[in-house]
Amino acid sequence: MYIQGPPGAQPAVFTSLPRMGSATPIRSICRYCGNYIITVTSPVPGVITWLLCTGLFVFGCVLGCCFLPFCVDSLMDVKHTCPVCRQELFRYHRL
């Protein structure tokens, strides 16, 4: 059974971002420019990166080895941006 909406009603448009993020690029509608896009991802230091760095420093990695978590992308948070307007849409937090 098909139910129609009121005459002249606009179809629903996806305008909000998903609540659960992802470390991989996702398809979305940019809330700033309104274009249908695939997000551009870039790694940024997050809580888990800083905790690992501090833990390594405390346990004796003082000659620069404590900065290794900043070189591993899978330990960093992920920033999603719009490829058209370059606005940050959301961040995926690992912790």
PDB file of N, CA and C in Angstrom:
ATOM      1  N   MET A   1       0.826  -1.165   0.000  1.00  0.00           N
ATOM      2  CA  MET A   1       0.000   0.000   0.000  1.00  0.00           C
ATOM      3  C   MET A   1       0.879   1.239   0.000  1.00  0.00           C
ATOM      4  N   TYR A   2       0.625   2.150  -0.873  1.00  0.00           N
ATOM      5  CA  TYR A   2       1.404   3.374  -1.014  1.00  0.00           C
ATOM      6  C   TYR A   2       0.635   4.534  -0.396  1.00  0.00           C
ATOM      7  N   ILE A   3       1.276   5.267   0.510  1.00  0.00           N
ATOM      8  CA  ILE A   3       0.635   6.413   1.149  1.00  0.00           C
ATOM      9  C   ILE A   3       1.313   7.683   0.661  1.00  0.00           C
ATOM     10  N   GLN A   4       0.544   8.594   0.142  1.00  0.00           N
ATOM     11  CA  GLN A   4       1.090   9.849  -0.332  1.00  0.00           C
ATOM     12  C   GLN A   4       1.054  10.882   0.780  1.00  0.00           C
ATOM     13  N   GLY A   5       2.000  11.821   0.706  1.00  0.00           N
ATOM     14  CA  GLY A   5       2.017  12.930   1.645  1.00  0.00           C
ATOM     15  C   GLY A   5       1.061  14.013   1.172  1.00  0.00           C
ATOM     16  N   PRO A   6       0.992  15.126   1.878  1.00  0.00           N
ATOM     17  CA  PRO A   6       0.120  16.214   1.466  1.00  0.00           C
ATOM     18  C   PRO A   6       0.552  16.783   0.121  1.00  0.00           C
ATOM     19  N   PRO A   7      -0.398  17.331  -0.653  1.00  0.00           N
ATOM     20  CA  PRO A   7      -0.027  17.874  -1.958  1.00  0.00           C
ATOM     21  C   PRO A   7       0.980  19.009  -1.802  1.00  0.00           C
ATOM     22  N   GLY A   8       1.965  19.025  -2.663  1.00  0.00           N
ATOM     23  CA  GLY A   8       2.987  20.065  -2.655  1.00  0.00           C
ATOM     24  C   GLY A   8       4.103  19.825  -1.653  1.00  0.00           C
ATOM     25  N   ALA A   9       4.106  18.692  -0.959  1.00  0.00           N
ATOM     26  CA  ALA A   9       5.147  18.409   0.031  1.00  0.00           C
ATOM     27  C   ALA A   9       6.439  18.028  -0.683  1.00  0.00           C
ATOM     28  N   GLN A  10       7.546  18.475  -0.136  1.00  0.00           N
ATOM     29  CA  GLN A  10       8.865  18.159  -0.680  1.00  0.00           C
ATOM     30  C   GLN A  10       9.317  16.797  -0.163  1.00  0.00           C
ATOM     31  N   PRO A  11      10.062  16.045  -0.963  1.00  0.00           N
ATOM     32  CA  PRO A  11      10.584  14.774  -0.471  1.00  0.00           C
ATOM     33  C   PRO A  11      11.623  15.016   0.630  1.00  0.00           C
ATOM     34  N   ALA A  12      11.761  14.063   1.527  1.00  0.00           N
ATOM     35  CA  ALA A  12      12.725  14.192   2.620  1.00  0.00           C
ATOM     36  C   ALA A  12      14.144  14.168   2.056  1.00  0.00           C
ATOM     37  N   VAL A  13      14.985  15.037   2.579  1.00  0.00           N
ATOM     38  CA  VAL A  13      16.379  15.124   2.141  1.00  0.00           C
ATOM     39  C   VAL A  13      17.263  14.856   3.349  1.00  0.00           C
ATOM     40  N   PHE A  14      18.278  14.032   3.154  1.00  0.00           N
ATOM     41  CA  PHE A  14      19.231  13.715   4.216  1.00  0.00           C
ATOM     42  C   PHE A  14      20.111  14.931   4.444  1.00  0.00           C
ATOM     43  N   THR A  15      19.972  15.588   5.604  1.00  0.00           N
ATOM     44  CA  THR A  15      20.763  16.785   5.873  1.00  0.00           C
ATOM     45  C   THR A  15      21.654  16.656   7.088  1.00  0.00           C
ATOM     46  N   SER A  16      21.437  15.682   7.928  1.00  0.00           N
ATOM     47  CA  SER A  16      22.287  15.557   9.109  1.00  0.00           C
ATOM     48  C   SER A  16      23.333  14.479   8.884  1.00  0.00           C
ATOM     49  N   LEU A  17      24.386  14.549   9.664  1.00  0.00           N
ATOM     50  CA  LEU A  17      25.464  13.582   9.547  1.00  0.00           C
ATOM     51  C   LEU A  17      25.155  12.349  10.383  1.00  0.00           C
ATOM     52  N   PRO A  18      25.693  11.213   9.989  1.00  0.00           N
ATOM     53  CA  PRO A  18      25.449  10.008  10.782  1.00  0.00           C
ATOM     54  C   PRO A  18      26.054  10.136  12.180  1.00  0.00           C
ATOM     55  N   ARG A  19      25.416   9.525  13.149  1.00  0.00           N
ATOM     56  CA  ARG A  19      25.909   9.604  14.523  1.00  0.00           C
ATOM     57  C   ARG A  19      27.158   8.759  14.703  1.00  0.00           C
ATOM     58  N   MET A  20      27.197   7.633  14.053  1.00  0.00           N
ATOM     59  CA  MET A  20      28.377   6.777  14.137  1.00  0.00           C
ATOM     60  C   MET A  20      29.305   7.105  12.982  1.00  0.00           C
ATOM     61  N   GLY A  21      30.506   7.508  13.291  1.00  0.00           N
ATOM     62  CA  GLY A  21      31.462   7.862  12.264  1.00  0.00           C
ATOM     63  C   GLY A  21      32.213   6.651  11.768  1.00  0.00           C
ATOM     64  N   SER A  22      33.144   6.905  10.907  1.00  0.00           N
ATOM     65  CA  SER A  22      33.939   5.841  10.329  1.00  0.00           C
ATOM     66  C   SER A  22      35.329   6.390  10.045  1.00  0.00           C
ATOM     67  N   ALA A  23      36.311   5.510  10.044  1.00  0.00           N
ATOM     68  CA  ALA A  23      37.668   5.930   9.720  1.00  0.00           C
ATOM     69  C   ALA A  23      37.869   6.005   8.206  1.00  0.00           C
ATOM     70  N   THR A  24      36.919   5.478   7.441  1.00  0.00           N
ATOM     71  CA  THR A  24      37.009   5.522   5.981  1.00  0.00           C
ATOM     72  C   THR A  24      36.101   6.628   5.443  1.00  0.00           C
ATOM     73  N   PRO A  25      36.374   7.120   4.249  1.00  0.00           N
ATOM     74  CA  PRO A  25      35.506   8.156   3.667  1.00  0.00           C
ATOM     75  C   PRO A  25      34.079   7.661   3.513  1.00  0.00           C
ATOM     76  N   ILE A  26      33.121   8.554   3.738  1.00  0.00           N
ATOM     77  CA  ILE A  26      31.712   8.197   3.617  1.00  0.00           C
ATOM     78  C   ILE A  26      31.012   9.157   2.668  1.00  0.00           C
ATOM     79  N   ARG A  27      29.872   8.706   2.123  1.00  0.00           N
ATOM     80  CA  ARG A  27      29.044   9.566   1.273  1.00  0.00           C
ATOM     81  C   ARG A  27      28.100  10.350   2.173  1.00  0.00           C
ATOM     82  N   SER A  28      27.957  11.619   1.875  1.00  0.00           N
ATOM     83  CA  SER A  28      27.110  12.471   2.696  1.00  0.00           C
ATOM     84  C   SER A  28      26.727  13.711   1.916  1.00  0.00           C
ATOM     85  N   ILE A  29      25.854  14.492   2.494  1.00  0.00           N
ATOM     86  CA  ILE A  29      25.544  15.811   1.959  1.00  0.00           C
ATOM     87  C   ILE A  29      26.195  16.815   2.889  1.00  0.00           C
ATOM     88  N   CYS A  30      27.002  17.699   2.346  1.00  0.00           N
ATOM     89  CA  CYS A  30      27.704  18.691   3.154  1.00  0.00           C
ATOM     90  C   CYS A  30      26.687  19.672   3.732  1.00  0.00           C
ATOM     91  N   ARG A  31      26.768  19.885   5.031  1.00  0.00           N
ATOM     92  CA  ARG A  31      25.811  20.797   5.660  1.00  0.00           C
ATOM     93  C   ARG A  31      26.192  22.258   5.445  1.00  0.00           C
ATOM     94  N   TYR A  32      27.369  22.520   4.886  1.00  0.00           N
ATOM     95  CA  TYR A  32      27.799  23.896   4.632  1.00  0.00           C
ATOM     96  C   TYR A  32      27.500  24.335   3.200  1.00  0.00           C
ATOM     97  N   CYS A  33      27.872  23.491   2.222  1.00  0.00           N
ATOM     98  CA  CYS A  33      27.672  23.894   0.818  1.00  0.00           C
ATOM     99  C   CYS A  33      26.509  23.166   0.154  1.00  0.00           C
ATOM    100  N   GLY A  34      25.990  22.086   0.757  1.00  0.00           N
ATOM    101  CA  GLY A  34      24.834  21.379   0.232  1.00  0.00           C
ATOM    102  C   GLY A  34      25.129  20.390  -0.879  1.00  0.00           C
ATOM    103  N   ASN A  35      26.391  20.165  -1.214  1.00  0.00           N
ATOM    104  CA  ASN A  35      26.746  19.218  -2.273  1.00  0.00           C
ATOM    105  C   ASN A  35      26.759  17.789  -1.742  1.00  0.00           C
ATOM    106  N   TYR A  36      26.436  16.843  -2.632  1.00  0.00           N
ATOM    107  CA  TYR A  36      26.527  15.419  -2.324  1.00  0.00           C
ATOM    108  C   TYR A  36      27.980  15.028  -2.526  1.00  0.00           C
ATOM    109  N   ILE A  37      28.665  14.601  -1.473  1.00  0.00           N
ATOM    110  CA  ILE A  37      30.117  14.415  -1.519  1.00  0.00           C
ATOM    111  C   ILE A  37      30.530  13.073  -0.932  1.00  0.00           C
ATOM    112  N   ILE A  38      31.777  12.727  -1.160  1.00  0.00           N
ATOM    113  CA  ILE A  38      32.475  11.670  -0.434  1.00  0.00           C
ATOM    114  C   ILE A  38      33.539  12.386   0.371  1.00  0.00           C
ATOM    115  N   THR A  39      33.515  12.219   1.694  1.00  0.00           N
ATOM    116  CA  THR A  39      34.391  12.999   2.563  1.00  0.00           C
ATOM    117  C   THR A  39      35.861  12.689   2.314  1.00  0.00           C
ATOM    118  N   VAL A  40      36.697  13.677   2.599  1.00  0.00           N
ATOM    119  CA  VAL A  40      38.145  13.524   2.539  1.00  0.00           C
ATOM    120  C   VAL A  40      38.616  13.318   3.973  1.00  0.00           C
ATOM    121  N   THR A  41      39.393  12.275   4.217  1.00  0.00           N
ATOM    122  CA  THR A  41      39.832  11.969   5.574  1.00  0.00           C
ATOM    123  C   THR A  41      41.300  12.329   5.758  1.00  0.00           C
ATOM    124  N   SER A  42      41.629  12.741   6.974  1.00  0.00           N
ATOM    125  CA  SER A  42      43.026  13.001   7.329  1.00  0.00           C
ATOM    126  C   SER A  42      43.214  12.649   8.807  1.00  0.00           C
ATOM    127  N   PRO A  43      44.352  12.024   9.138  1.00  0.00           N
ATOM    128  CA  PRO A  43      44.599  11.648  10.531  1.00  0.00           C
ATOM    129  C   PRO A  43      45.004  12.866  11.365  1.00  0.00           C
ATOM    130  N   VAL A  44      44.487  12.946  12.590  1.00  0.00           N
ATOM    131  CA  VAL A  44      44.855  13.997  13.537  1.00  0.00           C
ATOM    132  C   VAL A  44      45.088  13.341  14.899  1.00  0.00           C
ATOM    133  N   PRO A  45      46.042  13.863  15.679  1.00  0.00           N
ATOM    134  CA  PRO A  45      46.294  13.280  17.004  1.00  0.00           C
ATOM    135  C   PRO A  45      45.068  13.382  17.889  1.00  0.00           C
ATOM    136  N   GLY A  46      44.797  12.305  18.598  1.00  0.00           N
ATOM    137  CA  GLY A  46      43.651  12.258  19.500  1.00  0.00           C
ATOM    138  C   GLY A  46      44.081  11.803  20.891  1.00  0.00           C
ATOM    139  N   VAL A  47      43.107  11.451  21.688  1.00  0.00           N
ATOM    140  CA  VAL A  47      43.362  11.067  23.075  1.00  0.00           C
ATOM    141  C   VAL A  47      44.243   9.831  23.157  1.00  0.00           C
ATOM    142  N   ILE A  48      43.938   8.818  22.358  1.00  0.00           N
ATOM    143  CA  ILE A  48      44.719   7.573  22.435  1.00  0.00           C
ATOM    144  C   ILE A  48      46.173   7.798  22.008  1.00  0.00           C
ATOM    145  N   THR A  49      46.401   8.684  21.058  1.00  0.00           N
ATOM    146  CA  THR A  49      47.760   8.995  20.611  1.00  0.00           C
ATOM    147  C   THR A  49      48.555   9.631  21.737  1.00  0.00           C
ATOM    148  N   TRP A  50      47.946  10.597  22.419  1.00  0.00           N
ATOM    149  CA  TRP A  50      48.629  11.278  23.517  1.00  0.00           C
ATOM    150  C   TRP A  50      48.829  10.353  24.717  1.00  0.00           C
ATOM    151  N   LEU A  51      47.870   9.474  24.994  1.00  0.00           N
ATOM    152  CA  LEU A  51      48.034   8.529  26.101  1.00  0.00           C
ATOM    153  C   LEU A  51      49.183   7.562  25.846  1.00  0.00           C
ATOM    154  N   LEU A  52      49.278   7.055  24.633  1.00  0.00           N
ATOM    155  CA  LEU A  52      50.382   6.142  24.294  1.00  0.00           C
ATOM    156  C   LEU A  52      51.724   6.860  24.342  1.00  0.00           C
ATOM    157  N   CYS A  53      51.772   8.091  23.864  1.00  0.00           N
ATOM    158  CA  CYS A  53      53.004   8.870  23.910  1.00  0.00           C
ATOM    159  C   CYS A  53      53.446   9.094  25.353  1.00  0.00           C
ATOM    160  N   THR A  54      52.514   9.461  26.214  1.00  0.00           N
ATOM    161  CA  THR A  54      52.827   9.693  27.623  1.00  0.00           C
ATOM    162  C   THR A  54      53.264   8.402  28.302  1.00  0.00           C
ATOM    163  N   GLY A  55      52.554   7.304  28.008  1.00  0.00           N
ATOM    164  CA  GLY A  55      52.919   6.011  28.589  1.00  0.00           C
ATOM    165  C   GLY A  55      54.309   5.558  28.175  1.00  0.00           C
ATOM    166  N   LEU A  56      54.644   5.729  26.915  1.00  0.00           N
ATOM    167  CA  LEU A  56      55.986   5.351  26.453  1.00  0.00           C
ATOM    168  C   LEU A  56      57.055   6.229  27.100  1.00  0.00           C
ATOM    169  N   PHE A  57      56.775   7.502  27.280  1.00  0.00           N
ATOM    170  CA  PHE A  57      57.728   8.408  27.918  1.00  0.00           C
ATOM    171  C   PHE A  57      57.959   8.013  29.377  1.00  0.00           C
ATOM    172  N   VAL A  58      56.887   7.674  30.082  1.00  0.00           N
ATOM    173  CA  VAL A  58      56.989   7.289  31.492  1.00  0.00           C
ATOM    174  C   VAL A  58      57.788   6.004  31.649  1.00  0.00           C
ATOM    175  N   PHE A  59      57.639   5.068  30.707  1.00  0.00           N
ATOM    176  CA  PHE A  59      58.337   3.794  30.806  1.00  0.00           C
ATOM    177  C   PHE A  59      59.721   3.807  30.170  1.00  0.00           C
ATOM    178  N   GLY A  60      60.269   4.974  29.894  1.00  0.00           N
ATOM    179  CA  GLY A  60      61.674   5.050  29.519  1.00  0.00           C
ATOM    180  C   GLY A  60      61.989   5.378  28.080  1.00  0.00           C
ATOM    181  N   CYS A  61      61.032   5.582  27.234  1.00  0.00           N
ATOM    182  CA  CYS A  61      61.311   5.928  25.837  1.00  0.00           C
ATOM    183  C   CYS A  61      61.444   7.450  25.720  1.00  0.00           C
ATOM    184  N   VAL A  62      62.565   7.977  26.207  1.00  0.00           N
ATOM    185  CA  VAL A  62      62.712   9.430  26.285  1.00  0.00           C
ATOM    186  C   VAL A  62      63.530  10.009  25.136  1.00  0.00           C
ATOM    187  N   LEU A  63      64.129   9.191  24.315  1.00  0.00           N
ATOM    188  CA  LEU A  63      64.984   9.691  23.232  1.00  0.00           C
ATOM    189  C   LEU A  63      64.238   9.849  21.912  1.00  0.00           C
ATOM    190  N   GLY A  64      62.948   9.973  21.949  1.00  0.00           N
ATOM    191  CA  GLY A  64      62.171  10.174  20.734  1.00  0.00           C
ATOM    192  C   GLY A  64      61.272   9.016  20.371  1.00  0.00           C
ATOM    193  N   CYS A  65      61.491   7.862  20.963  1.00  0.00           N
ATOM    194  CA  CYS A  65      60.642   6.703  20.674  1.00  0.00           C
ATOM    195  C   CYS A  65      59.219   6.911  21.170  1.00  0.00           C
ATOM    196  N   CYS A  66      59.037   7.817  22.137  1.00  0.00           N
ATOM    197  CA  CYS A  66      57.691   8.049  22.672  1.00  0.00           C
ATOM    198  C   CYS A  66      56.799   8.739  21.642  1.00  0.00           C
ATOM    199  N   PHE A  67      57.386   9.277  20.577  1.00  0.00           N
ATOM    200  CA  PHE A  67      56.603   9.951  19.538  1.00  0.00           C
ATOM    201  C   PHE A  67      56.151   9.010  18.419  1.00  0.00           C
ATOM    202  N   LEU A  68      56.433   7.722  18.533  1.00  0.00           N
ATOM    203  CA  LEU A  68      56.014   6.750  17.517  1.00  0.00           C
ATOM    204  C   LEU A  68      54.506   6.706  17.287  1.00  0.00           C
ATOM    205  N   PRO A  69      53.637   6.857  18.317  1.00  0.00           N
ATOM    206  CA  PRO A  69      52.189   6.840  18.047  1.00  0.00           C
ATOM    207  C   PRO A  69      51.730   7.931  17.077  1.00  0.00           C
ATOM    208  N   PHE A  70      52.494   9.013  16.938  1.00  0.00           N
ATOM    209  CA  PHE A  70      52.127  10.083  16.010  1.00  0.00           C
ATOM    210  C   PHE A  70      52.443   9.718  14.551  1.00  0.00           C
ATOM    211  N   CYS A  71      53.167   8.631  14.345  1.00  0.00           N
ATOM    212  CA  CYS A  71      53.511   8.176  12.989  1.00  0.00           C
ATOM    213  C   CYS A  71      52.597   7.048  12.510  1.00  0.00           C
ATOM    214  N   VAL A  72      51.756   6.516  13.376  1.00  0.00           N
ATOM    215  CA  VAL A  72      50.886   5.389  13.039  1.00  0.00           C
ATOM    216  C   VAL A  72      49.467   5.926  12.853  1.00  0.00           C
ATOM    217  N   ASP A  73      48.977   5.922  11.612  1.00  0.00           N
ATOM    218  CA  ASP A  73      47.653   6.469  11.308  1.00  0.00           C
ATOM    219  C   ASP A  73      46.524   5.731  12.012  1.00  0.00           C
ATOM    220  N   SER A  74      46.686   4.439  12.244  1.00  0.00           N
ATOM    221  CA  SER A  74      45.609   3.673  12.871  1.00  0.00           C
ATOM    222  C   SER A  74      45.453   3.987  14.364  1.00  0.00           C
ATOM    223  N   LEU A  75      46.373   4.748  14.942  1.00  0.00           N
ATOM    224  CA  LEU A  75      46.262   5.160  16.339  1.00  0.00           C
ATOM    225  C   LEU A  75      45.732   6.583  16.479  1.00  0.00           C
ATOM    226  N   MET A  76      45.497   7.239  15.359  1.00  0.00           N
ATOM    227  CA  MET A  76      45.072   8.632  15.398  1.00  0.00           C
ATOM    228  C   MET A  76      43.588   8.759  15.078  1.00  0.00           C
ATOM    229  N   ASP A  77      42.968   9.862  15.524  1.00  0.00           N
ATOM    230  CA  ASP A  77      41.586  10.155  15.160  1.00  0.00           C
ATOM    231  C   ASP A  77      41.534  10.534  13.683  1.00  0.00           C
ATOM    232  N   VAL A  78      40.340  10.531  13.098  1.00  0.00           N
ATOM    233  CA  VAL A  78      40.186  10.823  11.675  1.00  0.00           C
ATOM    234  C   VAL A  78      39.274  12.034  11.507  1.00  0.00           C
ATOM    235  N   LYS A  79      39.758  13.024  10.764  1.00  0.00           N
ATOM    236  CA  LYS A  79      38.974  14.224  10.490  1.00  0.00           C
ATOM    237  C   LYS A  79      38.367  14.101   9.107  1.00  0.00           C
ATOM    238  N   HIS A  80      37.038  14.287   9.006  1.00  0.00           N
ATOM    239  CA  HIS A  80      36.327  14.233   7.730  1.00  0.00           C
ATOM    240  C   HIS A  80      36.029  15.656   7.275  1.00  0.00           C
ATOM    241  N   THR A  81      36.439  15.986   6.052  1.00  0.00           N
ATOM    242  CA  THR A  81      36.189  17.319   5.509  1.00  0.00           C
ATOM    243  C   THR A  81      35.498  17.214   4.156  1.00  0.00           C
ATOM    244  N   CYS A  82      34.847  18.298   3.766  1.00  0.00           N
ATOM    245  CA  CYS A  82      34.183  18.379   2.462  1.00  0.00           C
ATOM    246  C   CYS A  82      35.234  18.718   1.409  1.00  0.00           C
ATOM    247  N   PRO A  83      35.284  17.990   0.279  1.00  0.00           N
ATOM    248  CA  PRO A  83      36.269  18.295  -0.752  1.00  0.00           C
ATOM    249  C   PRO A  83      35.952  19.577  -1.526  1.00  0.00           C
ATOM    250  N   VAL A  84      34.722  20.070  -1.440  1.00  0.00           N
ATOM    251  CA  VAL A  84      34.328  21.267  -2.183  1.00  0.00           C
ATOM    252  C   VAL A  84      34.620  22.535  -1.386  1.00  0.00           C
ATOM    253  N   CYS A  85      34.067  22.625  -0.179  1.00  0.00           N
ATOM    254  CA  CYS A  85      34.211  23.858   0.611  1.00  0.00           C
ATOM    255  C   CYS A  85      35.288  23.761   1.686  1.00  0.00           C
ATOM    256  N   ARG A  86      35.895  22.597   1.854  1.00  0.00           N
ATOM    257  CA  ARG A  86      36.983  22.352   2.797  1.00  0.00           C
ATOM    258  C   ARG A  86      36.604  22.551   4.267  1.00  0.00           C
ATOM    259  N   GLN A  87      35.325  22.485   4.596  1.00  0.00           N
ATOM    260  CA  GLN A  87      34.872  22.609   5.975  1.00  0.00           C
ATOM    261  C   GLN A  87      34.957  21.249   6.667  1.00  0.00           C
ATOM    262  N   GLU A  88      35.328  21.253   7.948  1.00  0.00           N
ATOM    263  CA  GLU A  88      35.352  20.013   8.712  1.00  0.00           C
ATOM    264  C   GLU A  88      33.929  19.607   9.056  1.00  0.00           C
ATOM    265  N   LEU A  89      33.546  18.392   8.692  1.00  0.00           N
ATOM    266  CA  LEU A  89      32.198  17.908   8.940  1.00  0.00           C
ATOM    267  C   LEU A  89      32.095  17.225  10.299  1.00  0.00           C
ATOM    268  N   PHE A  90      33.025  16.331  10.610  1.00  0.00           N
ATOM    269  CA  PHE A  90      33.050  15.688  11.919  1.00  0.00           C
ATOM    270  C   PHE A  90      34.364  14.946  12.076  1.00  0.00           C
ATOM    271  N   ARG A  91      34.589  14.459  13.279  1.00  0.00           N
ATOM    272  CA  ARG A  91      35.782  13.666  13.581  1.00  0.00           C
ATOM    273  C   ARG A  91      35.376  12.295  14.105  1.00  0.00           C
ATOM    274  N   TYR A  92      36.123  11.312  13.696  1.00  0.00           N
ATOM    275  CA  TYR A  92      35.949   9.956  14.212  1.00  0.00           C
ATOM    276  C   TYR A  92      36.976   9.776  15.315  1.00  0.00           C
ATOM    277  N   HIS A  93      36.520   9.577  16.556  1.00  0.00           N
ATOM    278  CA  HIS A  93      37.399   9.419  17.702  1.00  0.00           C
ATOM    279  C   HIS A  93      37.621   7.946  17.976  1.00  0.00           C
ATOM    280  N   ARG A  94      38.869   7.551  18.056  1.00  0.00           N
ATOM    281  CA  ARG A  94      39.198   6.143  18.307  1.00  0.00           C
ATOM    282  C   ARG A  94      38.928   5.742  19.750  1.00  0.00           C
ATOM    283  N   LEU A  95      38.995   6.683  20.658  1.00  0.00           N
ATOM    284  CA  LEU A  95      38.761   6.357  22.066  1.00  0.00           C
ATOM    285  C   LEU A  95      37.656   7.197  22.626  1.00  0.00           C
TER     286      LEU A  95
END
